[in-house]
């Protein structure tokens, strides 16, 4: 049952990084080799759409599922109680969701290039999220971007009710939906 555990061993925890790193690399190679020149722009748009969608999915899942819907809320509270523990979504669950909710519908509605491009963008975004989240809790911040992400995520962990700063890899959706913890000024309204 280690595949379905929320708290992972170091090996199981690293599986996301390795699996998604390999998946991103393989999809990138596949698309680089098999995309006809005439479809390069289309494929690039699908990759960017997947990457952009991944930030919205990250925000939506964190704010409304992990902080609002049982049993996910209770499971996520374990991470808030022990932020340096190796707690995360089981890799088998995230992989299954990406295959069945992203790649398969995109393949059925389009073709293998569109499905692979969308999946590359979304999987790349998920990999960025996992690395950023891990870094926010475990790495020293030597660069300004990581310092900003660590501060942002710390605001989330220390806010009353954890009700702000749901984005991990970006603060874009927190600004859009005003969950960044800042009051709107008169000029913003």
Protein backbone atom coordinates (compact mmCIF):
# COMPACT_ATOMS: atom_id res chain seq x y z
CA UNK A 1 0.00 0.00 0.00
CA UNK A 2 3.03 2.31 -0.13
CA UNK A 3 1.83 3.45 -3.58
CA UNK A 4 -1.28 4.97 -1.97
CA UNK A 5 0.31 6.41 1.18
CA UNK A 6 0.21 10.16 1.83
CA UNK A 7 3.45 10.11 3.80
CA UNK A 8 6.20 8.75 1.62
CA UNK A 9 9.58 7.15 2.11
CA UNK A 10 12.41 9.13 0.51
CA UNK A 11 12.37 6.76 -2.48
CA UNK A 12 8.60 7.03 -2.99
CA UNK A 13 8.74 10.80 -2.54
CA UNK A 14 11.42 11.12 -5.22
CA UNK A 15 9.33 9.05 -7.64
CA UNK A 16 7.33 12.14 -8.69
CA UNK A 17 10.49 14.03 -9.58
CA UNK A 18 11.96 11.13 -11.55
CA UNK A 19 8.75 9.94 -13.22
CA UNK A 20 7.60 13.41 -14.27
CA UNK A 21 11.11 14.44 -15.30
CA UNK A 22 11.30 11.37 -17.56
CA UNK A 23 7.75 11.96 -18.86
CA UNK A 24 8.51 15.60 -19.73
CA UNK A 25 11.76 14.57 -21.46
CA UNK A 26 10.11 11.76 -23.45
CA UNK A 27 7.17 13.94 -24.52
CA UNK A 28 9.55 16.72 -25.53
CA UNK A 29 11.66 14.32 -27.61
CA UNK A 30 8.56 12.71 -29.14
CA UNK A 31 7.13 16.08 -30.16
CA UNK A 32 10.49 17.39 -31.38
CA UNK A 33 10.99 14.38 -33.65
CA UNK A 34 7.45 13.80 -34.93
CA UNK A 35 5.87 17.25 -35.21
CA UNK A 36 5.70 18.36 -38.84
CA UNK A 37 7.05 21.84 -39.44
CA UNK A 38 3.59 23.06 -40.46
CA UNK A 39 2.20 22.15 -37.02
CA UNK A 40 4.99 23.55 -34.80
CA UNK A 41 3.02 26.66 -33.83
CA UNK A 42 -0.10 24.60 -33.05
CA UNK A 43 1.89 22.19 -30.89
CA UNK A 44 3.62 25.08 -29.09
CA UNK A 45 0.21 26.65 -28.35
CA UNK A 46 -1.03 23.36 -26.86
CA UNK A 47 2.11 23.06 -24.69
CA UNK A 48 1.64 26.63 -23.43
CA UNK A 49 -2.09 26.00 -22.85
CA UNK A 50 -1.23 22.93 -20.76
CA UNK A 51 1.36 24.87 -18.77
CA UNK A 52 -1.07 27.73 -18.14
CA UNK A 53 -3.86 25.28 -17.24
CA UNK A 54 -1.57 23.56 -14.75
CA UNK A 55 -1.29 26.78 -12.73
CA UNK A 56 -5.08 27.12 -12.59
CA UNK A 57 -5.51 23.47 -11.66
CA UNK A 58 -2.85 23.83 -8.96
CA UNK A 59 -4.69 26.82 -7.49
CA UNK A 60 -8.18 25.28 -7.78
CA UNK A 61 -7.16 21.95 -6.23
CA UNK A 62 -5.25 23.59 -3.40
CA UNK A 63 -7.89 26.18 -2.52
CA UNK A 64 -11.14 24.31 -3.06
CA UNK A 65 -10.28 20.62 -2.73
CA UNK A 66 -7.35 20.45 -0.28
CA UNK A 67 -8.74 23.25 1.90
CA UNK A 68 -12.44 22.63 1.43
CA UNK A 69 -13.46 19.05 0.69
CA UNK A 70 -13.19 16.07 3.01
CA UNK A 71 -11.32 13.73 3.18
CA UNK A 72 -8.75 15.75 1.18
CA UNK A 73 -8.88 18.63 3.66
CA UNK A 74 -8.07 16.31 6.57
CA UNK A 75 -5.22 14.73 4.59
CA UNK A 76 -3.82 18.14 3.64
CA UNK A 77 -3.95 19.26 7.26
CA UNK A 78 -1.25 16.63 7.90
CA UNK A 79 1.05 18.61 5.62
CA UNK A 80 0.23 21.86 7.46
CA UNK A 81 0.88 20.19 10.80
CA UNK A 82 4.22 18.74 9.62
CA UNK A 83 5.40 20.86 6.66
CA UNK A 84 8.83 19.25 6.37
CA UNK A 85 7.46 15.69 6.32
CA UNK A 86 7.49 13.92 2.96
CA UNK A 87 3.73 14.11 2.46
CA UNK A 88 2.19 14.36 -0.98
CA UNK A 89 -0.21 13.00 -3.55
CA UNK A 90 0.57 9.38 -4.35
CA UNK A 91 2.31 9.23 -7.74
CA UNK A 92 -0.04 6.53 -8.99
CA UNK A 93 -3.00 8.85 -8.37
CA UNK A 94 -1.50 11.90 -10.09
CA UNK A 95 -0.32 9.80 -13.04
CA UNK A 96 -3.72 8.17 -13.44
CA UNK A 97 -5.48 11.55 -13.33
CA UNK A 98 -3.16 13.04 -15.97
CA UNK A 99 -3.60 10.06 -18.29
CA UNK A 100 -7.38 9.79 -17.96
CA UNK A 101 -8.36 13.46 -17.51
CA UNK A 102 -5.83 15.13 -19.82
CA UNK A 103 -4.18 12.86 -22.37
CA UNK A 104 -7.11 10.55 -23.17
CA UNK A 105 -9.76 13.27 -23.75
CA UNK A 106 -7.29 15.39 -25.74
CA UNK A 107 -6.42 12.35 -27.87
CA UNK A 108 -10.07 11.47 -28.44
CA UNK A 109 -10.96 15.08 -29.32
CA UNK A 110 -7.83 15.79 -31.34
CA UNK A 111 -4.87 13.64 -32.18
CA UNK A 112 -1.69 12.27 -30.62
CA UNK A 113 0.30 15.48 -31.23
CA UNK A 114 -2.25 17.73 -29.55
CA UNK A 115 -2.72 15.28 -26.69
CA UNK A 116 1.03 14.91 -26.19
CA UNK A 117 1.59 18.67 -26.35
CA UNK A 118 -1.18 19.44 -23.85
CA UNK A 119 0.08 16.66 -21.58
CA UNK A 120 3.66 17.96 -21.86
CA UNK A 121 2.57 21.42 -20.76
CA UNK A 122 0.44 20.16 -17.90
CA UNK A 123 3.01 17.61 -16.74
CA UNK A 124 5.78 20.19 -16.98
CA UNK A 125 3.65 22.52 -14.86
CA UNK A 126 3.04 19.77 -12.32
CA UNK A 127 6.77 19.05 -12.18
CA UNK A 128 7.44 22.77 -11.64
CA UNK A 129 4.87 22.77 -8.84
CA UNK A 130 6.38 19.71 -7.10
CA UNK A 131 9.93 21.07 -7.32
CA UNK A 132 8.82 24.53 -6.15
CA UNK A 133 6.81 23.11 -3.26
CA UNK A 134 9.67 20.86 -2.18
CA UNK A 135 12.13 23.75 -2.46
CA UNK A 136 9.84 26.04 -0.43
CA UNK A 137 10.02 23.58 2.45
CA UNK A 138 13.48 22.04 2.13
CA UNK A 139 15.99 24.20 0.21
CA UNK A 140 17.80 27.37 1.23
CA UNK A 141 16.69 30.33 -0.88
CA UNK A 142 19.70 31.53 -2.83
CA UNK A 143 17.81 33.17 -5.69
CA UNK A 144 15.22 35.93 -5.57
CA UNK A 145 12.52 33.86 -7.31
CA UNK A 146 12.81 31.05 -4.76
CA UNK A 147 12.95 33.56 -1.89
CA UNK A 148 9.71 35.05 -3.17
CA UNK A 149 8.07 31.62 -3.49
CA UNK A 150 9.22 30.60 0.02
CA UNK A 151 7.84 33.81 1.55
CA UNK A 152 4.58 33.39 -0.38
CA UNK A 153 4.16 29.79 0.75
CA UNK A 154 5.09 30.66 4.33
CA UNK A 155 2.30 33.27 4.29
CA UNK A 156 -0.08 30.47 3.31
CA UNK A 157 1.11 28.16 6.10
CA UNK A 158 0.98 30.85 8.77
CA UNK A 159 -2.20 32.73 7.82
CA UNK A 160 -5.25 32.26 10.02
CA UNK A 161 -7.13 29.32 8.57
CA UNK A 162 -4.53 29.01 5.80
CA UNK A 163 -6.89 31.16 3.73
CA UNK A 164 -4.41 33.01 1.50
CA UNK A 165 -1.65 32.35 -1.02
CA UNK A 166 -2.84 29.06 -2.50
CA UNK A 167 -0.60 29.20 -5.55
CA UNK A 168 2.77 27.55 -5.07
CA UNK A 169 4.50 27.91 -8.43
CA UNK A 170 2.85 31.28 -9.17
CA UNK A 171 0.83 33.93 -7.37
CA UNK A 172 -1.14 34.81 -10.53
CA UNK A 173 -4.44 33.17 -9.55
CA UNK A 174 -4.22 34.50 -5.98
CA UNK A 175 -4.05 38.01 -7.43
CA UNK A 176 -6.90 37.30 -9.89
CA UNK A 177 -9.17 35.85 -7.18
CA UNK A 178 -7.93 38.22 -4.45
CA UNK A 179 -6.73 35.45 -2.17
CA UNK A 180 -3.29 37.02 -1.81
CA UNK A 181 -4.08 38.45 1.60
CA UNK A 182 -3.98 42.06 0.46
CA UNK A 183 -7.00 44.32 0.63
CA UNK A 184 -8.10 45.81 -2.68
CA UNK A 185 -7.37 49.50 -2.90
CA UNK A 186 -9.82 52.03 -4.34
CA UNK A 187 -7.77 52.14 -7.55
CA UNK A 188 -8.14 48.34 -8.02
CA UNK A 189 -11.94 48.43 -7.85
